[in-house]
Amino acid sequence: MAIEPQEINYLVEGRGAPVILIHGLAASCYDWSALLPALASAGYRAYAPDLIGHGKSPKPESVESYQAGTIYSVLAAWVDSLALDQPPVFIGHSLGGYLSLKYEIQKPGQMAGMVLIDPLYSPNQLSRLLRLLNRRPEWGEAALRLVPEWLLNAVLGLDPTNANDFSESARQQIATDYKRASVRIVHIPATIEDLTPHLAQIKVPSMLLWGDRDLTLSPTSFAELHETLPNNLSKIIQDSGHQPHIGKPEQVNALVLDFLEGLRQQEPAIIGVKSLSFD
């Protein structure tokens, strides 16, 4: 089943320089419910799509549709369909970080900047549970079919990395997104390529944010990415899990807007440095 760009569901707010926000696995455009209006208020035009198999975008039945390469190709075609008059900034979380990096590798020079939040870029980052599910995706499919939404909500409330940060509405939205996603999405992680050999060629100014208590992807892998990726700033979000943009939105929003303002003003401090203090 070929997915056309016009079939992709997305939210858009604001006027100004374009920013594209890409969610992670089993999420949706509503992951950006805090950042999207903040970007619009700051003078940007922010787009937040649902990846195929997620949210309100098409959910093909074939397993072949849930290859990382297919997800990327549909996203890239959707970006092209926007016919933007200037290069956008990409903001990607987890799988969205992988897709952002892949876009810059495949289309160098076609984005103005990149914000990576707990990004996926190598199979080596995955937790033991995710590696097991990669080998037995039928287990993940069964879990998504059988686990009720209320139980997902309850489990999110017990997660020690997020329990104090996630509001009731945030937990409910995450649980809803899990249940409305295609069960086939569990096939995506096993099909990602290791982007590590290509990272050194990425020249676009970037900011890397990650939670120090991430249980999904190895936090040490983000420090390694910071050392490998040229021209990037980094900030560890203390006492945060895999989704700091949801659990600590005020902190993440401020960091993102500061970074974007630096790009807009073309400040020398943003270009050609490895780290910057945001204190």
C-alpha atoms as a PDB file:
ATOM      1  CA  MET A   1       0.000   0.000   0.000  1.00  0.00           C
ATOM      2  CA  ALA A   2       1.609   3.249  -1.164  1.00  0.00           C
ATOM      3  CA  ILE A   3       1.018   6.176   1.179  1.00  0.00           C
ATOM      4  CA  GLU A   4       0.651   9.570  -0.494  1.00  0.00           C
ATOM      5  CA  PRO A   5       1.913  12.714   1.308  1.00  0.00           C
ATOM      6  CA  GLN A   6      -1.572  14.217   1.404  1.00  0.00           C
ATOM      7  CA  GLU A   7      -2.752  11.255   3.497  1.00  0.00           C
ATOM      8  CA  ILE A   8      -0.441  12.133   6.387  1.00  0.00           C
ATOM      9  CA  ASN A   9      -2.235  13.752   9.308  1.00  0.00           C
ATOM     10  CA  TYR A  10      -0.498  16.725  10.880  1.00  0.00           C
ATOM     11  CA  LEU A  11      -0.983  19.759  13.073  1.00  0.00           C
ATOM     12  CA  VAL A  12       0.300  23.196  12.095  1.00  0.00           C
ATOM     13  CA  GLU A  13       0.421  26.415  14.114  1.00  0.00           C
ATOM     14  CA  GLY A  14       1.969  29.841  13.767  1.00  0.00           C
ATOM     15  CA  ARG A  15       3.629  31.967  11.128  1.00  0.00           C
ATOM     16  CA  GLY A  16       7.307  32.401  10.387  1.00  0.00           C
ATOM     17  CA  ALA A  17      10.340  30.189   9.853  1.00  0.00           C
ATOM     18  CA  PRO A  18       9.364  26.500   9.532  1.00  0.00           C
ATOM     19  CA  VAL A  19       9.968  23.939  12.247  1.00  0.00           C
ATOM     20  CA  ILE A  20       9.079  20.254  11.831  1.00  0.00           C
ATOM     21  CA  LEU A  21       8.468  18.133  14.930  1.00  0.00           C
ATOM     22  CA  ILE A  22       8.712  14.350  14.619  1.00  0.00           C
ATOM     23  CA  HIS A  23       7.450  12.074  17.390  1.00  0.00           C
ATOM     24  CA  GLY A  24       8.796   8.711  18.521  1.00  0.00           C
ATOM     25  CA  LEU A  25       7.528   5.148  18.344  1.00  0.00           C
ATOM     26  CA  ALA A  26       3.937   4.542  19.491  1.00  0.00           C
ATOM     27  CA  ALA A  27       3.353   8.286  19.920  1.00  0.00           C
ATOM     28  CA  SER A  28       1.630  10.949  17.823  1.00  0.00           C
ATOM     29  CA  CYS A  29       1.676  14.632  16.963  1.00  0.00           C
ATOM     30  CA  TYR A  30       0.103  15.270  20.369  1.00  0.00           C
ATOM     31  CA  ASP A  31       3.501  14.589  21.947  1.00  0.00           C
ATOM     32  CA  TRP A  32       4.180  18.208  21.010  1.00  0.00           C
ATOM     33  CA  SER A  33       1.137  19.743  22.733  1.00  0.00           C
ATOM     34  CA  ALA A  34       3.428  21.933  24.879  1.00  0.00           C
ATOM     35  CA  LEU A  35       6.111  22.826  22.326  1.00  0.00           C
ATOM     36  CA  LEU A  36       3.879  23.458  19.303  1.00  0.00           C
ATOM     37  CA  PRO A  37       2.072  26.521  20.731  1.00  0.00           C
ATOM     38  CA  ALA A  38       5.309  27.806  22.270  1.00  0.00           C
ATOM     39  CA  LEU A  39       6.943  27.790  18.845  1.00  0.00           C
ATOM     40  CA  ALA A  40       3.942  29.513  17.287  1.00  0.00           C
ATOM     41  CA  SER A  41       3.996  32.217  19.965  1.00  0.00           C
ATOM     42  CA  ALA A  42       7.716  32.780  19.345  1.00  0.00           C
ATOM     43  CA  GLY A  43       7.198  33.480  15.660  1.00  0.00           C
ATOM     44  CA  TYR A  44       7.670  30.089  13.995  1.00  0.00           C
ATOM     45  CA  ARG A  45       5.403  27.996  11.809  1.00  0.00           C
ATOM     46  CA  ALA A  46       5.449  24.571  13.436  1.00  0.00           C
ATOM     47  CA  TYR A  47       4.364  21.349  11.746  1.00  0.00           C
ATOM     48  CA  ALA A  48       3.792  18.104  13.664  1.00  0.00           C
ATOM     49  CA  PRO A  49       2.928  15.024  11.580  1.00  0.00           C
ATOM     50  CA  ASP A  50       1.706  11.603  12.631  1.00  0.00           C
ATOM     51  CA  LEU A  51       4.093   9.011  11.194  1.00  0.00           C
ATOM     52  CA  ILE A  52       2.454   6.209   9.229  1.00  0.00           C
ATOM     53  CA  GLY A  53       0.992   3.613  11.562  1.00  0.00           C
ATOM     54  CA  HIS A  54       0.510   6.259  14.244  1.00  0.00           C
ATOM     55  CA  GLY A  55      -2.159   8.726  15.349  1.00  0.00           C
ATOM     56  CA  LYS A  56      -4.589   9.579  12.576  1.00  0.00           C
ATOM     57  CA  SER A  57      -2.256   8.766   9.689  1.00  0.00           C
ATOM     58  CA  PRO A  58      -2.817   5.638   7.556  1.00  0.00           C
ATOM     59  CA  LYS A  59      -2.144   2.267   9.162  1.00  0.00           C
ATOM     60  CA  PRO A  60      -1.286  -0.260   6.442  1.00  0.00           C
ATOM     61  CA  GLU A  61      -1.672  -3.940   7.287  1.00  0.00           C
ATOM     62  CA  SER A  62       1.491  -5.204   5.574  1.00  0.00           C
ATOM     63  CA  VAL A  63       4.581  -5.727   7.718  1.00  0.00           C
ATOM     64  CA  GLU A  64       6.636  -4.339   4.817  1.00  0.00           C
ATOM     65  CA  SER A  65       5.109  -0.907   5.438  1.00  0.00           C
ATOM     66  CA  TYR A  66       6.764  -0.832   8.868  1.00  0.00           C
ATOM     67  CA  GLN A  67      10.362  -0.800   7.723  1.00  0.00           C
ATOM     68  CA  ALA A  68      12.388   2.202   8.912  1.00  0.00           C
ATOM     69  CA  GLY A  69      13.268   2.985   5.297  1.00  0.00           C
ATOM     70  CA  THR A  70       9.595   3.138   4.339  1.00  0.00           C
ATOM     71  CA  ILE A  71       8.741   5.354   7.306  1.00  0.00           C
ATOM     72  CA  TYR A  72      11.558   7.691   6.284  1.00  0.00           C
ATOM     73  CA  SER A  73      10.580   7.786   2.601  1.00  0.00           C
ATOM     74  CA  VAL A  74       6.982   8.719   3.396  1.00  0.00           C
ATOM     75  CA  LEU A  75       8.123  11.413   5.836  1.00  0.00           C
ATOM     76  CA  ALA A  76      10.597  12.879   3.318  1.00  0.00           C
ATOM     77  CA  ALA A  77       7.897  12.960   0.628  1.00  0.00           C
ATOM     78  CA  TRP A  78       5.543  14.711   3.048  1.00  0.00           C
ATOM     79  CA  VAL A  79       8.186  17.341   3.847  1.00  0.00           C
ATOM     80  CA  ASP A  80       8.687  17.904   0.100  1.00  0.00           C
ATOM     81  CA  SER A  81       4.927  18.311  -0.330  1.00  0.00           C
ATOM     82  CA  LEU A  82       4.924  21.274   2.069  1.00  0.00           C
ATOM     83  CA  ALA A  83       6.884  23.273  -0.558  1.00  0.00           C
ATOM     84  CA  LEU A  84       8.582  25.332   2.162  1.00  0.00           C
ATOM     85  CA  ASP A  85      10.227  28.572   1.039  1.00  0.00           C
ATOM     86  CA  GLN A  86      13.206  28.119   3.379  1.00  0.00           C
ATOM     87  CA  PRO A  87      15.011  25.195   5.044  1.00  0.00           C
ATOM     88  CA  PRO A  88      13.219  24.003   8.183  1.00  0.00           C
ATOM     89  CA  VAL A  89      14.570  23.139  11.593  1.00  0.00           C
ATOM     90  CA  PHE A  90      13.841  19.517  12.537  1.00  0.00           C
ATOM     91  CA  ILE A  91      12.989  18.557  16.110  1.00  0.00           C
ATOM     92  CA  GLY A  92      12.905  14.799  16.629  1.00  0.00           C
ATOM     93  CA  HIS A  93      12.306  12.584  19.645  1.00  0.00           C
ATOM     94  CA  SER A  94      13.609   8.991  19.770  1.00  0.00           C
ATOM     95  CA  LEU A  95      12.581   7.451  16.406  1.00  0.00           C
ATOM     96  CA  GLY A  96      11.927  11.024  15.284  1.00  0.00           C
ATOM     97  CA  GLY A  97      15.570  11.776  16.065  1.00  0.00           C
ATOM     98  CA  TYR A  98      16.634   8.867  13.883  1.00  0.00           C
ATOM     99  CA  LEU A  99      14.471  10.156  11.032  1.00  0.00           C
ATOM    100  CA  SER A 100      15.876  13.681  11.456  1.00  0.00           C
ATOM    101  CA  LEU A 101      19.459  12.426  11.295  1.00  0.00           C
ATOM    102  CA  LYS A 102      18.592  10.249   8.315  1.00  0.00           C
ATOM    103  CA  TYR A 103      17.078  13.247   6.519  1.00  0.00           C
ATOM    104  CA  GLU A 104      20.226  15.326   6.961  1.00  0.00           C
ATOM    105  CA  ILE A 105      22.408  12.420   5.834  1.00  0.00           C
ATOM    106  CA  GLN A 106      20.259  11.833   2.743  1.00  0.00           C
ATOM    107  CA  LYS A 107      19.583  15.513   1.989  1.00  0.00           C
ATOM    108  CA  PRO A 108      22.564  17.482   3.323  1.00  0.00           C
ATOM    109  CA  GLY A 109      22.085  21.218   3.518  1.00  0.00           C
ATOM    110  CA  GLN A 110      18.300  21.087   3.307  1.00  0.00           C
ATOM    111  CA  MET A 111      17.603  21.859   6.973  1.00  0.00           C
ATOM    112  CA  ALA A 112      18.532  24.944   8.973  1.00  0.00           C
ATOM    113  CA  GLY A 113      19.145  23.156  12.254  1.00  0.00           C
ATOM    114  CA  MET A 114      18.243  20.116  14.286  1.00  0.00           C
ATOM    115  CA  VAL A 115      17.110  19.420  17.855  1.00  0.00           C
ATOM    116  CA  LEU A 116      17.472  15.796  18.945  1.00  0.00           C
ATOM    117  CA  ILE A 117      15.633  14.674  22.093  1.00  0.00           C
ATOM    118  CA  ASP A 118      16.727  11.259  23.435  1.00  0.00           C
ATOM    119  CA  PRO A 119      17.407  10.290  19.818  1.00  0.00           C
ATOM    120  CA  LEU A 120      17.669   6.801  18.382  1.00  0.00           C
ATOM    121  CA  TYR A 121      20.609   6.430  16.006  1.00  0.00           C
ATOM    122  CA  SER A 122      21.961   2.896  16.521  1.00  0.00           C
ATOM    123  CA  PRO A 123      20.551  -0.540  17.426  1.00  0.00           C
ATOM    124  CA  ASN A 124      23.202  -0.678  20.142  1.00  0.00           C
ATOM    125  CA  GLN A 125      21.263   1.899  22.159  1.00  0.00           C
ATOM    126  CA  LEU A 126      18.219  -0.295  22.663  1.00  0.00           C
ATOM    127  CA  SER A 127      17.347  -1.718  26.065  1.00  0.00           C
ATOM    128  CA  ARG A 128      17.449  -5.485  26.599  1.00  0.00           C
ATOM    129  CA  LEU A 129      13.651  -5.614  26.442  1.00  0.00           C
ATOM    130  CA  LEU A 130      13.547  -3.863  23.088  1.00  0.00           C
ATOM    131  CA  ARG A 131      16.266  -6.125  21.703  1.00  0.00           C
ATOM    132  CA  LEU A 132      14.223  -9.140  22.786  1.00  0.00           C
ATOM    133  CA  LEU A 133      11.093  -7.722  21.135  1.00  0.00           C
ATOM    134  CA  ASN A 134      13.091  -7.126  17.959  1.00  0.00           C
ATOM    135  CA  ARG A 135      13.725 -10.864  17.828  1.00  0.00           C
ATOM    136  CA  ARG A 136      10.121 -11.753  18.730  1.00  0.00           C
ATOM    137  CA  PRO A 137       7.920  -8.961  17.315  1.00  0.00           C
ATOM    138  CA  GLU A 138       4.832 -11.149  17.664  1.00  0.00           C
ATOM    139  CA  TRP A 139       5.107 -10.635  21.427  1.00  0.00           C
ATOM    140  CA  GLY A 140       4.962  -6.877  20.985  1.00  0.00           C
ATOM    141  CA  GLU A 141       2.011  -7.162  18.622  1.00  0.00           C
ATOM    142  CA  ALA A 142       0.125  -9.311  21.137  1.00  0.00           C
ATOM    143  CA  ALA A 143       0.847  -6.881  23.950  1.00  0.00           C
ATOM    144  CA  LEU A 144      -0.462  -3.894  21.992  1.00  0.00           C
ATOM    145  CA  ARG A 145      -3.615  -5.833  21.088  1.00  0.00           C
ATOM    146  CA  LEU A 146      -4.358  -7.188  24.544  1.00  0.00           C
ATOM    147  CA  VAL A 147      -3.234  -4.582  27.080  1.00  0.00           C
ATOM    148  CA  PRO A 148      -6.169  -2.255  27.876  1.00  0.00           C
ATOM    149  CA  GLU A 149      -5.723   1.494  27.764  1.00  0.00           C
ATOM    150  CA  TRP A 150      -6.477   1.911  31.476  1.00  0.00           C
ATOM    151  CA  LEU A 151      -3.657  -0.470  32.376  1.00  0.00           C
ATOM    152  CA  LEU A 152      -1.191   1.414  30.185  1.00  0.00           C
ATOM    153  CA  ASN A 153      -2.218   4.611  31.950  1.00  0.00           C
ATOM    154  CA  ALA A 154      -1.717   2.988  35.356  1.00  0.00           C
ATOM    155  CA  VAL A 155       1.715   1.622  34.435  1.00  0.00           C
ATOM    156  CA  LEU A 156       2.824   5.052  33.238  1.00  0.00           C
ATOM    157  CA  GLY A 157       1.840   6.424  36.626  1.00  0.00           C
ATOM    158  CA  LEU A 158       4.097   3.877  38.329  1.00  0.00           C
ATOM    159  CA  ASP A 159       7.164   4.512  36.143  1.00  0.00           C
ATOM    160  CA  PRO A 160       9.753   5.939  38.567  1.00  0.00           C
ATOM    161  CA  THR A 161      11.395   8.010  35.810  1.00  0.00           C
ATOM    162  CA  ASN A 162       8.193   9.877  34.954  1.00  0.00           C
ATOM    163  CA  ALA A 163       5.627   9.463  37.720  1.00  0.00           C
ATOM    164  CA  ASN A 164       6.353  12.857  39.277  1.00  0.00           C
ATOM    165  CA  ASP A 165       6.439  14.671  35.933  1.00  0.00           C
ATOM    166  CA  PHE A 166       3.598  13.367  33.791  1.00  0.00           C
ATOM    167  CA  SER A 167       0.226  14.971  34.327  1.00  0.00           C
ATOM    168  CA  GLU A 168      -2.894  12.818  34.269  1.00  0.00           C
ATOM    169  CA  SER A 169      -3.770  14.201  30.829  1.00  0.00           C
ATOM    170  CA  ALA A 170      -0.259  13.454  29.510  1.00  0.00           C
ATOM    171  CA  ARG A 171      -0.432   9.849  30.739  1.00  0.00           C
ATOM    172  CA  GLN A 172      -3.847   9.447  29.170  1.00  0.00           C
ATOM    173  CA  GLN A 173      -2.659  10.792  25.813  1.00  0.00           C
ATOM    174  CA  ILE A 174       0.366   8.464  25.805  1.00  0.00           C
ATOM    175  CA  ALA A 175      -1.850   5.480  26.618  1.00  0.00           C
ATOM    176  CA  THR A 176      -4.321   6.497  23.901  1.00  0.00           C
ATOM    177  CA  ASP A 177      -1.530   6.825  21.337  1.00  0.00           C
ATOM    178  CA  TYR A 178      -0.211   3.361  22.183  1.00  0.00           C
ATOM    179  CA  LYS A 179      -3.624   1.784  21.703  1.00  0.00           C
ATOM    180  CA  ARG A 180      -4.531   3.566  18.457  1.00  0.00           C
ATOM    181  CA  ALA A 181      -1.177   2.850  16.783  1.00  0.00           C
ATOM    182  CA  SER A 182      -0.934  -0.132  14.457  1.00  0.00           C
ATOM    183  CA  VAL A 183       0.402  -3.213  16.234  1.00  0.00           C
ATOM    184  CA  ARG A 184       2.788  -3.518  13.279  1.00  0.00           C
ATOM    185  CA  ILE A 185       4.891  -0.606  14.542  1.00  0.00           C
ATOM    186  CA  VAL A 186       6.823  -3.053  16.730  1.00  0.00           C
ATOM    187  CA  HIS A 187       8.632  -4.149  13.548  1.00  0.00           C
ATOM    188  CA  ILE A 188      10.228  -0.725  13.019  1.00  0.00           C
ATOM    189  CA  PRO A 189      13.095  -0.818  15.589  1.00  0.00           C
ATOM    190  CA  ALA A 190      14.545  -4.026  14.135  1.00  0.00           C
ATOM    191  CA  THR A 191      14.880  -2.365  10.715  1.00  0.00           C
ATOM    192  CA  ILE A 192      16.824   0.762  11.622  1.00  0.00           C
ATOM    193  CA  GLU A 193      20.362   1.077  10.334  1.00  0.00           C
ATOM    194  CA  ASP A 194      23.298   2.103  12.468  1.00  0.00           C
ATOM    195  CA  LEU A 195      23.886   5.751  11.585  1.00  0.00           C
ATOM    196  CA  THR A 196      27.126   5.985  13.570  1.00  0.00           C
ATOM    197  CA  PRO A 197      29.441   5.773  10.518  1.00  0.00           C
ATOM    198  CA  HIS A 198      27.638   8.748   8.946  1.00  0.00           C
ATOM    199  CA  LEU A 199      27.432  11.100  11.934  1.00  0.00           C
ATOM    200  CA  ALA A 200      30.720  12.885  11.305  1.00  0.00           C
ATOM    201  CA  GLN A 201      29.440  14.175   7.950  1.00  0.00           C
ATOM    202  CA  ILE A 202      26.528  16.040   9.548  1.00  0.00           C
ATOM    203  CA  LYS A 203      27.419  19.730   9.615  1.00  0.00           C
ATOM    204  CA  VAL A 204      24.071  21.363  10.396  1.00  0.00           C
ATOM    205  CA  PRO A 205      23.963  23.159  13.802  1.00  0.00           C
ATOM    206  CA  SER A 206      22.334  20.811  16.296  1.00  0.00           C
ATOM    207  CA  MET A 207      21.217  20.638  19.897  1.00  0.00           C
ATOM    208  CA  LEU A 208      21.107  17.354  21.797  1.00  0.00           C
ATOM    209  CA  LEU A 209      18.839  16.969  24.839  1.00  0.00           C
ATOM    210  CA  TRP A 210      18.405  13.822  26.889  1.00  0.00           C
ATOM    211  CA  GLY A 211      17.006  12.565  30.156  1.00  0.00           C
ATOM    212  CA  ASP A 212      19.565  11.155  32.555  1.00  0.00           C
ATOM    213  CA  ARG A 213      17.121   8.429  33.651  1.00  0.00           C
ATOM    214  CA  ASP A 214      16.178   7.155  30.206  1.00  0.00           C
ATOM    215  CA  LEU A 215      15.305   3.438  30.483  1.00  0.00           C
ATOM    216  CA  THR A 216      14.484   2.986  26.784  1.00  0.00           C
ATOM    217  CA  LEU A 217      17.775   4.079  25.230  1.00  0.00           C
ATOM    218  CA  SER A 218      21.166   4.095  26.923  1.00  0.00           C
ATOM    219  CA  PRO A 219      21.975   7.578  28.320  1.00  0.00           C
ATOM    220  CA  THR A 220      25.684   6.950  27.737  1.00  0.00           C
ATOM    221  CA  SER A 221      24.915   6.651  24.035  1.00  0.00           C
ATOM    222  CA  PHE A 222      23.774  10.273  23.986  1.00  0.00           C
ATOM    223  CA  ALA A 223      27.076  11.429  25.447  1.00  0.00           C
ATOM    224  CA  GLU A 224      28.820   9.412  22.736  1.00  0.00           C
ATOM    225  CA  LEU A 225      26.637  11.090  20.110  1.00  0.00           C
ATOM    226  CA  HIS A 226      27.576  14.489  21.507  1.00  0.00           C
ATOM    227  CA  GLU A 227      31.257  13.659  21.083  1.00  0.00           C
ATOM    228  CA  THR A 228      30.776  12.307  17.548  1.00  0.00           C
ATOM    229  CA  LEU A 229      28.296  14.741  16.012  1.00  0.00           C
ATOM    230  CA  PRO A 230      29.994  17.926  14.764  1.00  0.00           C
ATOM    231  CA  ASN A 231      28.670  21.387  15.583  1.00  0.00           C
ATOM    232  CA  ASN A 232      26.322  20.440  18.424  1.00  0.00           C
ATOM    233  CA  LEU A 233      25.261  21.770  21.794  1.00  0.00           C
ATOM    234  CA  SER A 234      24.136  19.408  24.530  1.00  0.00           C
ATOM    235  CA  LYS A 235      22.113  19.530  27.711  1.00  0.00           C
ATOM    236  CA  ILE A 236      21.252  16.717  30.116  1.00  0.00           C
ATOM    237  CA  ILE A 237      17.735  16.999  31.547  1.00  0.00           C
ATOM    238  CA  GLN A 238      18.165  15.936  35.156  1.00  0.00           C
ATOM    239  CA  ASP A 239      15.717  13.513  36.787  1.00  0.00           C
ATOM    240  CA  SER A 240      13.994  12.857  33.486  1.00  0.00           C
ATOM    241  CA  GLY A 241      13.219   9.676  31.590  1.00  0.00           C
ATOM    242  CA  HIS A 242      12.837   9.065  27.875  1.00  0.00           C
ATOM    243  CA  GLN A 243      10.317  11.861  27.239  1.00  0.00           C
ATOM    244  CA  PRO A 244      11.592  15.114  28.752  1.00  0.00           C
ATOM    245  CA  HIS A 245       9.574  17.183  26.273  1.00  0.00           C
ATOM    246  CA  ILE A 246       6.443  15.789  27.962  1.00  0.00           C
ATOM    247  CA  GLY A 247       7.661  15.431  31.536  1.00  0.00           C
ATOM    248  CA  LYS A 248       9.573  18.718  31.758  1.00  0.00           C
ATOM    249  CA  PRO A 249       8.082  20.850  28.972  1.00  0.00           C
ATOM    250  CA  GLU A 250       8.945  24.266  30.415  1.00  0.00           C
ATOM    251  CA  GLN A 251      12.644  23.396  30.631  1.00  0.00           C
ATOM    252  CA  VAL A 252      12.753  21.780  27.191  1.00  0.00           C
ATOM    253  CA  ASN A 253      10.736  24.567  25.565  1.00  0.00           C
ATOM    254  CA  ALA A 254      13.096  27.214  26.928  1.00  0.00           C
ATOM    255  CA  LEU A 255      16.164  25.348  25.666  1.00  0.00           C
ATOM    256  CA  VAL A 256      14.650  24.820  22.224  1.00  0.00           C
ATOM    257  CA  LEU A 257      13.589  28.454  21.874  1.00  0.00           C
ATOM    258  CA  ASP A 258      17.026  29.679  22.987  1.00  0.00           C
ATOM    259  CA  PHE A 259      18.655  27.446  20.395  1.00  0.00           C
ATOM    260  CA  LEU A 260      16.313  28.598  17.642  1.00  0.00           C
ATOM    261  CA  GLU A 261      16.869  32.228  18.546  1.00  0.00           C
ATOM    262  CA  GLY A 262      20.609  31.627  18.278  1.00  0.00           C
ATOM    263  CA  LEU A 263      20.108  30.227  14.795  1.00  0.00           C
ATOM    264  CA  ARG A 264      17.873  33.136  13.850  1.00  0.00           C
ATOM    265  CA  GLN A 265      20.406  35.675  15.029  1.00  0.00           C
ATOM    266  CA  GLN A 266      23.344  33.699  13.595  1.00  0.00           C
ATOM    267  CA  GLU A 267      25.269  34.120  16.818  1.00  0.00           C
ATOM    268  CA  PRO A 268      28.875  32.866  16.653  1.00  0.00           C
ATOM    269  CA  ALA A 269      28.327  31.025  19.946  1.00  0.00           C
ATOM    270  CA  ILE A 270      25.928  28.683  18.178  1.00  0.00           C
ATOM    271  CA  ILE A 271      28.219  27.793  15.294  1.00  0.00           C
ATOM    272  CA  GLY A 272      31.244  25.544  15.629  1.00  0.00           C
ATOM    273  CA  VAL A 273      31.071  24.681  19.327  1.00  0.00           C
ATOM    274  CA  LYS A 274      30.687  21.390  21.165  1.00  0.00           C
ATOM    275  CA  SER A 275      28.850  22.487  24.291  1.00  0.00           C
ATOM    276  CA  LEU A 276      27.136  25.427  25.869  1.00  0.00           C
ATOM    277  CA  SER A 277      25.895  26.110  29.382  1.00  0.00           C
ATOM    278  CA  PHE A 278      22.212  26.914  29.663  1.00  0.00           C
ATOM    279  CA  ASP A 279      22.339  27.663  33.392  1.00  0.00           C
END
